[in-house]
C-alpha atoms as a PDB file:
ATOM      1  CA  MET A   1      52.019 -68.586-152.187  1.00  0.00           C
ATOM      2  CA  ASN A   2      53.874 -70.297-149.343  1.00  0.00           C
ATOM      3  CA  PRO A   3      55.595 -68.277-146.560  1.00  0.00           C
ATOM      4  CA  ALA A   4      59.129 -68.848-147.878  1.00  0.00           C
ATOM      5  CA  ASP A   5      58.164 -67.532-151.320  1.00  0.00           C
ATOM      6  CA  ARG A   6      56.517 -64.475-149.742  1.00  0.00           C
ATOM      7  CA  LEU A   7      59.698 -63.788-147.803  1.00  0.00           C
ATOM      8  CA  ALA A   8      61.862 -64.246-150.894  1.00  0.00           C
ATOM      9  CA  ASP A   9      59.705 -61.746-152.804  1.00  0.00           C
ATOM     10  CA  ALA A  10      60.063 -59.180-150.013  1.00  0.00           C
ATOM     11  CA  LEU A  11      63.823 -59.644-149.813  1.00  0.00           C
ATOM     12  CA  GLY A  12      64.680 -59.744-153.507  1.00  0.00           C
ATOM     13  CA  GLY A  13      68.267 -59.961-154.783  1.00  0.00           C
ATOM     14  CA  GLU A  14      70.780 -62.393-153.311  1.00  0.00           C
ATOM     15  CA  LEU A  15      68.917 -62.743-150.021  1.00  0.00           C
ATOM     16  CA  GLY A  16      65.710 -63.659-151.824  1.00  0.00           C
ATOM     17  CA  ALA A  17      67.576 -66.189-153.945  1.00  0.00           C
ATOM     18  CA  ALA A  18      69.110 -67.762-150.821  1.00  0.00           C
ATOM     19  CA  VAL A  19      65.666 -68.109-149.241  1.00  0.00           C
ATOM     20  CA  ARG A  20      64.268 -69.786-152.369  1.00  0.00           C
ATOM     21  CA  GLU A  21      67.240 -72.142-152.486  1.00  0.00           C
ATOM     22  CA  ASN A  22      66.601 -73.201-148.884  1.00  0.00           C
ATOM     23  CA  ALA A  23      62.801 -72.883-148.916  1.00  0.00           C
ATOM     24  CA  GLY A  24      62.315 -76.435-147.682  1.00  0.00           C
ATOM     25  CA  SER A  25      64.504 -76.044-144.610  1.00  0.00           C
ATOM     26  CA  ILE A  26      64.587 -72.366-143.572  1.00  0.00           C
ATOM     27  CA  ALA A  27      63.363 -71.793-140.024  1.00  0.00           C
ATOM     28  CA  GLU A  28      64.519 -68.272-139.260  1.00  0.00           C
ATOM     29  CA  LEU A  29      66.260 -65.301-140.877  1.00  0.00           C
ATOM     30  CA  ARG A  30      68.068 -62.616-138.876  1.00  0.00           C
ATOM     31  CA  LEU A  31      68.854 -59.262-140.476  1.00  0.00           C
ATOM     32  CA  ARG A  32      71.003 -56.744-138.599  1.00  0.00           C
ATOM     33  CA  SER A  33      71.779 -53.346-140.054  1.00  0.00           C
ATOM     34  CA  GLY A  34      75.337 -53.268-141.457  1.00  0.00           C
ATOM     35  CA  ARG A  35      76.079 -56.861-140.447  1.00  0.00           C
ATOM     36  CA  PRO A  36      75.863 -60.247-142.188  1.00  0.00           C
ATOM     37  CA  ALA A  37      72.442 -61.841-142.509  1.00  0.00           C
ATOM     38  CA  ARG A  38      72.125 -65.244-140.839  1.00  0.00           C
ATOM     39  CA  MET A  39      69.735 -68.003-141.857  1.00  0.00           C
ATOM     40  CA  ALA A  40      68.879 -70.776-139.409  1.00  0.00           C
ATOM     41  CA  LEU A  41      67.856 -74.082-140.964  1.00  0.00           C
ATOM     42  CA  LEU A  42      65.899 -77.005-139.596  1.00  0.00           C
ATOM     43  CA  GLY A  43      68.308 -79.351-137.906  1.00  0.00           C
ATOM     44  CA  GLY A  44      70.459 -76.586-136.426  1.00  0.00           C
ATOM     45  CA  ASP A  45      72.664 -75.534-139.361  1.00  0.00           C
ATOM     46  CA  GLU A  46      73.225 -71.829-140.018  1.00  0.00           C
ATOM     47  CA  LEU A  47      74.207 -69.930-143.155  1.00  0.00           C
ATOM     48  CA  CYS A  48      76.103 -66.634-143.047  1.00  0.00           C
ATOM     49  CA  LEU A  49      75.016 -64.352-145.901  1.00  0.00           C
ATOM     50  CA  ALA A  50      75.968 -60.910-147.202  1.00  0.00           C
ATOM     51  CA  PRO A  51      75.713 -57.853-144.921  1.00  0.00           C
ATOM     52  CA  VAL A  52      72.449 -55.908-144.976  1.00  0.00           C
ATOM     53  CA  GLU A  53      72.837 -52.155-145.431  1.00  0.00           C
ATOM     54  CA  PRO A  54      70.495 -49.810-143.499  1.00  0.00           C
ATOM     55  CA  THR A  55      68.685 -48.663-146.646  1.00  0.00           C
ATOM     56  CA  GLU A  56      68.161 -52.279-147.709  1.00  0.00           C
ATOM     57  CA  LEU A  57      66.777 -53.202-144.290  1.00  0.00           C
ATOM     58  CA  ARG A  58      64.278 -50.336-144.494  1.00  0.00           C
ATOM     59  CA  ARG A  59      63.234 -51.420-147.989  1.00  0.00           C
ATOM     60  CA  ILE A  60      62.671 -54.997-146.828  1.00  0.00           C
ATOM     61  CA  LEU A  61      60.614 -53.858-143.841  1.00  0.00           C
ATOM     62  CA  ASN A  62      58.485 -51.602-146.050  1.00  0.00           C
ATOM     63  CA  ARG A  63      57.686 -54.522-148.327  1.00  0.00           C
ATOM     64  CA  LEU A  64      56.889 -56.829-145.403  1.00  0.00           C
ATOM     65  CA  MET A  65      54.587 -54.116-144.021  1.00  0.00           C
ATOM     66  CA  GLU A  66      53.060 -53.598-147.479  1.00  0.00           C
ATOM     67  CA  ASN A  67      54.296 -49.976-147.402  1.00  0.00           C
ATOM     68  CA  SER A  68      52.060 -49.078-144.472  1.00  0.00           C
ATOM     69  CA  LEU A  69      53.907 -48.569-141.190  1.00  0.00           C
ATOM     70  CA  TYR A  70      50.734 -47.120-139.643  1.00  0.00           C
ATOM     71  CA  ALA A  71      48.846 -50.394-140.153  1.00  0.00           C
ATOM     72  CA  TRP A  72      51.343 -52.218-137.932  1.00  0.00           C
ATOM     73  CA  GLU A  73      51.851 -49.503-135.321  1.00  0.00           C
ATOM     74  CA  GLU A  74      50.081 -51.266-132.450  1.00  0.00           C
ATOM     75  CA  GLU A  75      51.757 -54.622-133.100  1.00  0.00           C
ATOM     76  CA  LEU A  76      55.168 -52.967-133.273  1.00  0.00           C
ATOM     77  CA  LYS A  77      54.690 -51.750-129.718  1.00  0.00           C
ATOM     78  CA  GLU A  78      54.800 -55.415-128.709  1.00  0.00           C
ATOM     79  CA  GLY A  79      58.123 -55.858-130.499  1.00  0.00           C
ATOM     80  CA  TYR A  80      56.878 -57.786-133.501  1.00  0.00           C
ATOM     81  CA  PHE A  81      54.423 -57.854-136.362  1.00  0.00           C
ATOM     82  CA  THR A  82      52.995 -60.709-138.430  1.00  0.00           C
ATOM     83  CA  ALA A  83      53.327 -60.233-142.171  1.00  0.00           C
ATOM     84  CA  ALA A  84      51.307 -61.907-144.921  1.00  0.00           C
ATOM     85  CA  GLY A  85      51.778 -65.661-144.986  1.00  0.00           C
ATOM     86  CA  GLY A  86      52.223 -65.846-141.221  1.00  0.00           C
ATOM     87  CA  LEU A  87      55.801 -64.544-141.217  1.00  0.00           C
ATOM     88  CA  ARG A  88      56.538 -63.519-137.617  1.00  0.00           C
ATOM     89  CA  VAL A  89      58.864 -60.497-137.680  1.00  0.00           C
ATOM     90  CA  GLY A  90      60.481 -59.607-134.352  1.00  0.00           C
ATOM     91  CA  VAL A  91      61.992 -56.113-134.302  1.00  0.00           C
ATOM     92  CA  CYS A  92      64.677 -54.316-132.289  1.00  0.00           C
ATOM     93  CA  GLY A  93      65.672 -50.688-132.375  1.00  0.00           C
ATOM     94  CA  LYS A  94      64.934 -47.406-130.671  1.00  0.00           C
ATOM     95  CA  MET A  95      61.885 -47.726-128.440  1.00  0.00           C
ATOM     96  CA  ASN A  96      60.128 -44.687-127.034  1.00  0.00           C
ATOM     97  CA  ALA A  97      58.747 -45.639-123.627  1.00  0.00           C
ATOM     98  CA  ALA A  98      56.504 -43.681-121.298  1.00  0.00           C
ATOM     99  CA  ARG A  99      53.930 -44.341-118.574  1.00  0.00           C
ATOM    100  CA  GLY A 100      55.184 -47.860-118.065  1.00  0.00           C
ATOM    101  CA  GLY A 101      54.796 -48.984-121.678  1.00  0.00           C
ATOM    102  CA  VAL A 102      56.072 -48.551-125.230  1.00  0.00           C
ATOM    103  CA  GLU A 103      54.550 -45.613-127.071  1.00  0.00           C
ATOM    104  CA  SER A 104      56.296 -46.087-130.404  1.00  0.00           C
ATOM    105  CA  LEU A 105      59.211 -47.618-132.261  1.00  0.00           C
ATOM    106  CA  SER A 106      61.044 -44.817-134.014  1.00  0.00           C
ATOM    107  CA  SER A 107      63.695 -46.865-135.812  1.00  0.00           C
ATOM    108  CA  ILE A 108      64.394 -50.550-136.490  1.00  0.00           C
ATOM    109  CA  ALA A 109      67.981 -51.799-136.532  1.00  0.00           C
ATOM    110  CA  SER A 110      67.484 -55.566-136.613  1.00  0.00           C
ATOM    111  CA  VAL A 111      64.766 -58.099-137.311  1.00  0.00           C
ATOM    112  CA  CYS A 112      64.233 -61.788-136.672  1.00  0.00           C
ATOM    113  CA  ILE A 113      61.888 -63.406-139.207  1.00  0.00           C
ATOM    114  CA  ARG A 114      60.393 -66.777-138.299  1.00  0.00           C
ATOM    115  CA  VAL A 115      59.053 -68.794-141.214  1.00  0.00           C
ATOM    116  CA  PRO A 116      55.973 -70.932-140.456  1.00  0.00           C
ATOM    117  CA  ARG A 117      55.630 -74.297-142.125  1.00  0.00           C
ATOM    118  CA  GLU A 118      53.342 -77.265-142.422  1.00  0.00           C
ATOM    119  CA  MET A 119      54.653 -80.664-141.350  1.00  0.00           C
ATOM    120  CA  ARG A 120      51.737 -82.859-142.305  1.00  0.00           C
ATOM    121  CA  GLY A 121      51.474 -85.900-140.103  1.00  0.00           C
ATOM    122  CA  CYS A 122      53.654 -84.680-137.226  1.00  0.00           C
ATOM    123  CA  ALA A 123      50.613 -84.716-134.893  1.00  0.00           C
ATOM    124  CA  GLU A 124      49.268 -88.133-135.939  1.00  0.00           C
ATOM    125  CA  GLU A 125      50.411 -89.912-132.773  1.00  0.00           C
ATOM    126  CA  LEU A 126      49.141 -87.105-130.555  1.00  0.00           C
ATOM    127  CA  ALA A 127      45.746 -87.159-132.291  1.00  0.00           C
ATOM    128  CA  ARG A 128      45.568 -90.951-132.138  1.00  0.00           C
ATOM    129  CA  ARG A 129      45.989 -90.945-128.380  1.00  0.00           C
ATOM    130  CA  THR A 130      43.990 -87.837-127.440  1.00  0.00           C
ATOM    131  CA  LEU A 131      41.060 -88.139-129.876  1.00  0.00           C
ATOM    132  CA  ALA A 132      40.538 -91.902-129.555  1.00  0.00           C
ATOM    133  CA  ASP A 133      37.266 -91.616-127.600  1.00  0.00           C
ATOM    134  CA  GLY A 134      36.328 -88.024-128.417  1.00  0.00           C
ATOM    135  CA  PRO A 135      37.959 -84.641-127.799  1.00  0.00           C
ATOM    136  CA  THR A 136      40.183 -84.249-124.762  1.00  0.00           C
ATOM    137  CA  SER A 137      42.311 -81.269-123.771  1.00  0.00           C
ATOM    138  CA  VAL A 138      45.999 -81.120-124.679  1.00  0.00           C
ATOM    139  CA  LEU A 139      48.862 -78.900-123.490  1.00  0.00           C
ATOM    140  CA  ILE A 140      51.848 -78.708-125.869  1.00  0.00           C
ATOM    141  CA  LEU A 141      55.135 -77.648-124.267  1.00  0.00           C
ATOM    142  CA  SER A 142      58.626 -76.850-125.516  1.00  0.00           C
ATOM    143  CA  THR A 143      61.355 -74.289-125.440  1.00  0.00           C
ATOM    144  CA  PRO A 144      61.291 -71.669-128.253  1.00  0.00           C
ATOM    145  CA  GLY A 145      61.884 -72.854-131.799  1.00  0.00           C
ATOM    146  CA  ARG A 146      60.913 -76.516-131.297  1.00  0.00           C
ATOM    147  CA  GLY A 147      57.733 -76.382-133.361  1.00  0.00           C
ATOM    148  CA  LYS A 148      54.856 -75.995-130.886  1.00  0.00           C
ATOM    149  CA  THR A 149      52.806 -74.004-133.388  1.00  0.00           C
ATOM    150  CA  THR A 150      53.679 -76.417-136.202  1.00  0.00           C
ATOM    151  CA  LEU A 151      52.434 -79.363-134.123  1.00  0.00           C
ATOM    152  CA  LEU A 152      49.301 -77.496-133.034  1.00  0.00           C
ATOM    153  CA  ARG A 153      48.531 -76.563-136.657  1.00  0.00           C
ATOM    154  CA  ASP A 154      48.714 -80.195-137.765  1.00  0.00           C
ATOM    155  CA  PHE A 155      46.667 -81.326-134.765  1.00  0.00           C
ATOM    156  CA  VAL A 156      43.915 -78.884-135.780  1.00  0.00           C
ATOM    157  CA  ARG A 157      43.976 -80.188-139.357  1.00  0.00           C
ATOM    158  CA  ILE A 158      43.706 -83.808-138.222  1.00  0.00           C
ATOM    159  CA  ALA A 159      40.924 -83.092-135.708  1.00  0.00           C
ATOM    160  CA  SER A 160      38.954 -81.293-138.411  1.00  0.00           C
ATOM    161  CA  ALA A 161      39.464 -84.181-140.843  1.00  0.00           C
ATOM    162  CA  ARG A 162      38.102 -86.569-138.196  1.00  0.00           C
ATOM    163  CA  GLY A 163      34.835 -84.657-138.127  1.00  0.00           C
ATOM    164  CA  TYR A 164      35.257 -82.323-135.161  1.00  0.00           C
ATOM    165  CA  ASN A 165      34.327 -78.653-135.286  1.00  0.00           C
ATOM    166  CA  VAL A 166      37.467 -76.708-134.342  1.00  0.00           C
ATOM    167  CA  ALA A 167      37.826 -73.018-133.495  1.00  0.00           C
ATOM    168  CA  VAL A 168      41.217 -71.294-133.552  1.00  0.00           C
ATOM    169  CA  ALA A 169      41.948 -68.136-131.553  1.00  0.00           C
ATOM    170  CA  ASP A 170      44.899 -66.991-133.700  1.00  0.00           C
ATOM    171  CA  GLU A 171      45.981 -63.903-131.764  1.00  0.00           C
ATOM    172  CA  ARG A 172      49.454 -63.701-133.316  1.00  0.00           C
ATOM    173  CA  ARG A 173      48.340 -64.800-136.809  1.00  0.00           C
ATOM    174  CA  GLU A 174      50.776 -67.702-136.824  1.00  0.00           C
ATOM    175  CA  ILE A 175      48.556 -70.781-136.737  1.00  0.00           C
ATOM    176  CA  GLY A 176      46.484 -70.131-139.843  1.00  0.00           C
ATOM    177  CA  ALA A 177      48.587 -67.394-141.510  1.00  0.00           C
ATOM    178  CA  CYS A 178      45.340 -65.710-142.551  1.00  0.00           C
ATOM    179  CA  LEU A 179      45.080 -63.343-145.492  1.00  0.00           C
ATOM    180  CA  GLU A 180      41.951 -61.160-145.252  1.00  0.00           C
ATOM    181  CA  GLY A 181      40.615 -63.591-142.661  1.00  0.00           C
ATOM    182  CA  VAL A 182      41.133 -66.741-144.754  1.00  0.00           C
ATOM    183  CA  PRO A 183      43.747 -69.272-143.512  1.00  0.00           C
ATOM    184  CA  GLN A 184      46.626 -69.821-145.918  1.00  0.00           C
ATOM    185  CA  MET A 185      47.682 -72.901-143.957  1.00  0.00           C
ATOM    186  CA  ASP A 186      45.605 -76.080-144.153  1.00  0.00           C
ATOM    187  CA  LEU A 187      43.554 -76.164-140.950  1.00  0.00           C
ATOM    188  CA  GLY A 188      40.821 -78.413-142.314  1.00  0.00           C
ATOM    189  CA  GLU A 189      37.305 -77.916-143.621  1.00  0.00           C
ATOM    190  CA  ARG A 190      35.614 -77.809-140.207  1.00  0.00           C
ATOM    191  CA  THR A 191      37.818 -75.117-138.682  1.00  0.00           C
ATOM    192  CA  ASP A 192      36.868 -71.501-137.907  1.00  0.00           C
ATOM    193  CA  VAL A 193      39.576 -68.906-137.235  1.00  0.00           C
ATOM    194  CA  MET A 194      39.436 -65.624-135.316  1.00  0.00           C
ATOM    195  CA  ASP A 195      42.472 -63.776-136.636  1.00  0.00           C
ATOM    196  CA  GLY A 196      44.538 -61.134-134.836  1.00  0.00           C
ATOM    197  CA  CYS A 197      42.224 -60.747-131.850  1.00  0.00           C
ATOM    198  CA  PRO A 198      43.402 -61.113-128.225  1.00  0.00           C
ATOM    199  CA  LYS A 199      42.455 -64.458-126.720  1.00  0.00           C
ATOM    200  CA  VAL A 200      40.588 -62.816-123.842  1.00  0.00           C
ATOM    201  CA  LEU A 201      38.166 -61.421-126.434  1.00  0.00           C
ATOM    202  CA  SER A 202      38.185 -64.067-129.167  1.00  0.00           C
ATOM    203  CA  VAL A 203      37.781 -67.199-127.019  1.00  0.00           C
ATOM    204  CA  PRO A 204      34.367 -66.228-125.540  1.00  0.00           C
ATOM    205  CA  MET A 205      33.170 -65.102-128.986  1.00  0.00           C
ATOM    206  CA  LEU A 206      34.253 -68.357-130.615  1.00  0.00           C
ATOM    207  CA  VAL A 207      32.601 -70.457-127.903  1.00  0.00           C
ATOM    208  CA  ARG A 208      29.324 -68.560-128.249  1.00  0.00           C
ATOM    209  CA  ALA A 209      29.232 -68.101-132.018  1.00  0.00           C
ATOM    210  CA  CYS A 210      30.872 -71.235-133.428  1.00  0.00           C
ATOM    211  CA  ALA A 211      30.033 -73.931-130.861  1.00  0.00           C
ATOM    212  CA  PRO A 212      33.396 -75.685-131.270  1.00  0.00           C
ATOM    213  CA  GLN A 213      34.165 -79.112-129.912  1.00  0.00           C
ATOM    214  CA  ILE A 214      37.873 -78.222-129.799  1.00  0.00           C
ATOM    215  CA  LEU A 215      39.383 -74.791-129.203  1.00  0.00           C
ATOM    216  CA  ALA A 216      43.008 -74.216-130.263  1.00  0.00           C
ATOM    217  CA  VAL A 217      45.168 -71.380-128.957  1.00  0.00           C
ATOM    218  CA  ASP A 218      48.868 -70.569-129.189  1.00  0.00           C
ATOM    219  CA  GLU A 219      51.142 -69.232-126.423  1.00  0.00           C
ATOM    220  CA  ILE A 220      49.196 -69.062-123.176  1.00  0.00           C
ATOM    221  CA  GLY A 221      50.692 -66.038-121.464  1.00  0.00           C
ATOM    222  CA  SER A 222      48.386 -64.014-119.254  1.00  0.00           C
ATOM    223  CA  THR A 223      45.989 -64.498-116.383  1.00  0.00           C
ATOM    224  CA  GLY A 224      43.219 -63.457-118.769  1.00  0.00           C
ATOM    225  CA  ASP A 225      44.216 -66.235-121.176  1.00  0.00           C
ATOM    226  CA  ALA A 226      43.997 -68.786-118.382  1.00  0.00           C
ATOM    227  CA  ARG A 227      40.623 -67.500-117.218  1.00  0.00           C
ATOM    228  CA  VAL A 228      38.892 -67.678-120.614  1.00  0.00           C
ATOM    229  CA  LEU A 229      40.297 -71.144-121.319  1.00  0.00           C
ATOM    230  CA  ARG A 230      38.917 -72.397-118.016  1.00  0.00           C
ATOM    231  CA  GLU A 231      35.509 -70.940-118.890  1.00  0.00           C
ATOM    232  CA  ALA A 232      35.605 -72.574-122.337  1.00  0.00           C
ATOM    233  CA  MET A 233      36.327 -75.938-120.761  1.00  0.00           C
ATOM    234  CA  ARG A 234      33.439 -75.461-118.332  1.00  0.00           C
ATOM    235  CA  CYS A 235      31.174 -74.987-121.349  1.00  0.00           C
ATOM    236  CA  GLY A 236      32.138 -78.360-122.764  1.00  0.00           C
ATOM    237  CA  VAL A 237      34.946 -77.371-125.113  1.00  0.00           C
ATOM    238  CA  ALA A 238      38.187 -79.320-125.247  1.00  0.00           C
ATOM    239  CA  VAL A 239      41.273 -77.105-125.360  1.00  0.00           C
ATOM    240  CA  ALA A 240      44.476 -77.595-127.364  1.00  0.00           C
ATOM    241  CA  ALA A 241      47.058 -75.031-126.288  1.00  0.00           C
ATOM    242  CA  THR A 242      50.784 -74.324-126.390  1.00  0.00           C
ATOM    243  CA  ALA A 243      53.101 -72.747-123.838  1.00  0.00           C
ATOM    244  CA  HIS A 244      56.819 -72.112-123.347  1.00  0.00           C
ATOM    245  CA  ALA A 245      58.366 -74.618-120.931  1.00  0.00           C
ATOM    246  CA  GLU A 246      61.041 -77.292-121.037  1.00  0.00           C
ATOM    247  CA  ASN A 247      58.852 -79.838-119.263  1.00  0.00           C
ATOM    248  CA  LEU A 248      55.661 -80.205-117.259  1.00  0.00           C
ATOM    249  CA  GLU A 249      57.367 -79.397-113.965  1.00  0.00           C
ATOM    250  CA  ALA A 250      58.669 -76.088-115.352  1.00  0.00           C
ATOM    251  CA  ALA A 251      55.230 -75.290-116.764  1.00  0.00           C
ATOM    252  CA  ALA A 252      53.596 -75.936-113.403  1.00  0.00           C
ATOM    253  CA  ARG A 253      55.860 -73.324-111.816  1.00  0.00           C
ATOM    254  CA  ARG A 254      54.512 -70.638-114.148  1.00  0.00           C
ATOM    255  CA  ARG A 255      51.580 -68.903-112.545  1.00  0.00           C
ATOM    256  CA  GLN A 256      49.069 -69.056-115.404  1.00  0.00           C
ATOM    257  CA  ILE A 257      49.947 -72.528-116.696  1.00  0.00           C
ATOM    258  CA  GLY A 258      50.213 -73.954-113.199  1.00  0.00           C
ATOM    259  CA  PHE A 259      46.739 -72.616-112.448  1.00  0.00           C
ATOM    260  CA  LEU A 260      45.263 -74.448-115.441  1.00  0.00           C
ATOM    261  CA  ILE A 261      47.080 -77.681-114.609  1.00  0.00           C
ATOM    262  CA  ARG A 262      45.869 -77.575-111.008  1.00  0.00           C
ATOM    263  CA  GLU A 263      42.335 -76.836-112.215  1.00  0.00           C
ATOM    264  CA  GLY A 264      42.437 -80.047-114.247  1.00  0.00           C
ATOM    265  CA  ILE A 265      41.895 -78.293-117.573  1.00  0.00           C
ATOM    266  CA  PHE A 266      44.286 -80.542-119.506  1.00  0.00           C
ATOM    267  CA  ASP A 267      43.989 -84.288-119.915  1.00  0.00           C
ATOM    268  CA  TRP A 268      47.286 -84.724-121.761  1.00  0.00           C
ATOM    269  CA  CYS A 269      50.655 -83.023-122.035  1.00  0.00           C
ATOM    270  CA  ALA A 270      52.880 -83.331-125.117  1.00  0.00           C
ATOM    271  CA  ILE A 271      56.529 -82.310-124.695  1.00  0.00           C
ATOM    272  CA  LEU A 272      58.620 -81.540-127.777  1.00  0.00           C
ATOM    273  CA  GLY A 273      62.300 -81.935-128.563  1.00  0.00           C
ATOM    274  CA  PRO A 274      64.985 -82.207-129.575  1.00  0.00           C
ATOM    275  CA  GLY A 275      63.970 -81.999-133.257  1.00  0.00           C
ATOM    276  CA  VAL A 276      61.508 -79.454-134.672  1.00  0.00           C
ATOM    277  CA  GLY A 277      57.946 -80.762-134.423  1.00  0.00           C
ATOM    278  CA  LYS A 278      59.174 -83.986-132.790  1.00  0.00           C
ATOM    279  CA  ILE A 279      57.316 -85.249-129.733  1.00  0.00           C
ATOM    280  CA  ARG A 280      59.551 -86.463-126.916  1.00  0.00           C
ATOM    281  CA  GLU A 281      56.790 -87.521-124.560  1.00  0.00           C
ATOM    282  CA  ILE A 282      52.995 -87.691-124.390  1.00  0.00           C
ATOM    283  CA  ARG A 283      51.970 -87.772-120.749  1.00  0.00           C
ATOM    284  CA  PRO A 284      48.450 -88.315-119.377  1.00  0.00           C
ATOM    285  CA  LEU A 285      47.587 -85.874-116.609  1.00  0.00           C
ATOM    286  CA  LYS A 286      45.088 -86.247-113.764  1.00  0.00           C
ATOM    287  CA  GLY A 287      42.325 -88.617-114.804  1.00  0.00           C
ATOM    288  CA  GLY A 288      44.554 -90.427-117.274  1.00  0.00           C
ATOM    289  CA  GLY A 289      43.339 -88.367-120.186  1.00  0.00           C
ATOM    290  CA  GLU A 290      40.501 -90.836-120.677  1.00  0.00           C
ATOM    291  CA  GLY A 291      37.504 -88.734-119.756  1.00  0.00           C
ATOM    292  CA  LYS A 292      35.690 -86.548-122.256  1.00  0.00           C
ATOM    293  CA  VAL A 293      34.894 -82.965-121.339  1.00  0.00           C
ATOM    294  CA  LYS A 294      31.505 -82.540-119.713  1.00  0.00           C
ATOM    295  CA  GLN A 295      28.760 -80.530-121.365  1.00  0.00           C
ATOM    296  CA  CYS A 296      27.318 -77.605-119.413  1.00  0.00           C
END
């Protein structure tokens, strides 16, 4: 079952019908208690739908959580959870904070549901240039909602189809949309996925256990992320990663991404926009992107 159908089943009624009607173009659905639902479509259009009553919002959340709030408790502390099919559900409401962090989320008043999708072929040009003479490392940049994960997903599929062993550290469960550990998205026959595990833990395990030629990760964010990616590269693994930034210059100003760029981790940089999954520029970085990673 594809992500849009899963969402439609959880919503039911008129909202579910609207999702099915726009299954091929829905990008995001926002539900706010007592206010109209809003559906964002690929290309920038937006539909205004019927208001969502508080009881209906709770029912929808229960179905997305498979009637087990406890199972998602830790993820909710981060302000989101990932439902079956790779649906990314951001949540807002009453947060209970203490000791410098969030202890619990006692009520949810609004949600933002991002619908993952496959755009087969969107990474063909990127793969053609970066895999021409063997695996090289790629940094994919864009502002939110431009399709970084969609492009990365297709890149993984293509690399696998070309005979490379690929490992995916899918911390947020968005790349493979795994169900019981099995990817629901097509990541190729030579791809191994570590689902729902922090990158600082999963990357070293994948490098040791799966001996990948290419390691794919989404949303580089922390110093720990940067450190384990550098170590993977030193062990002969090419890295394909995404990060939030409008361009390479903005990325270089971010502490963690700038560190990796200065360390020479990435051979290429792909910048997306303005369309979803559309590449605006593929730029070779230091070394021209022509050298293969060295084996340690």
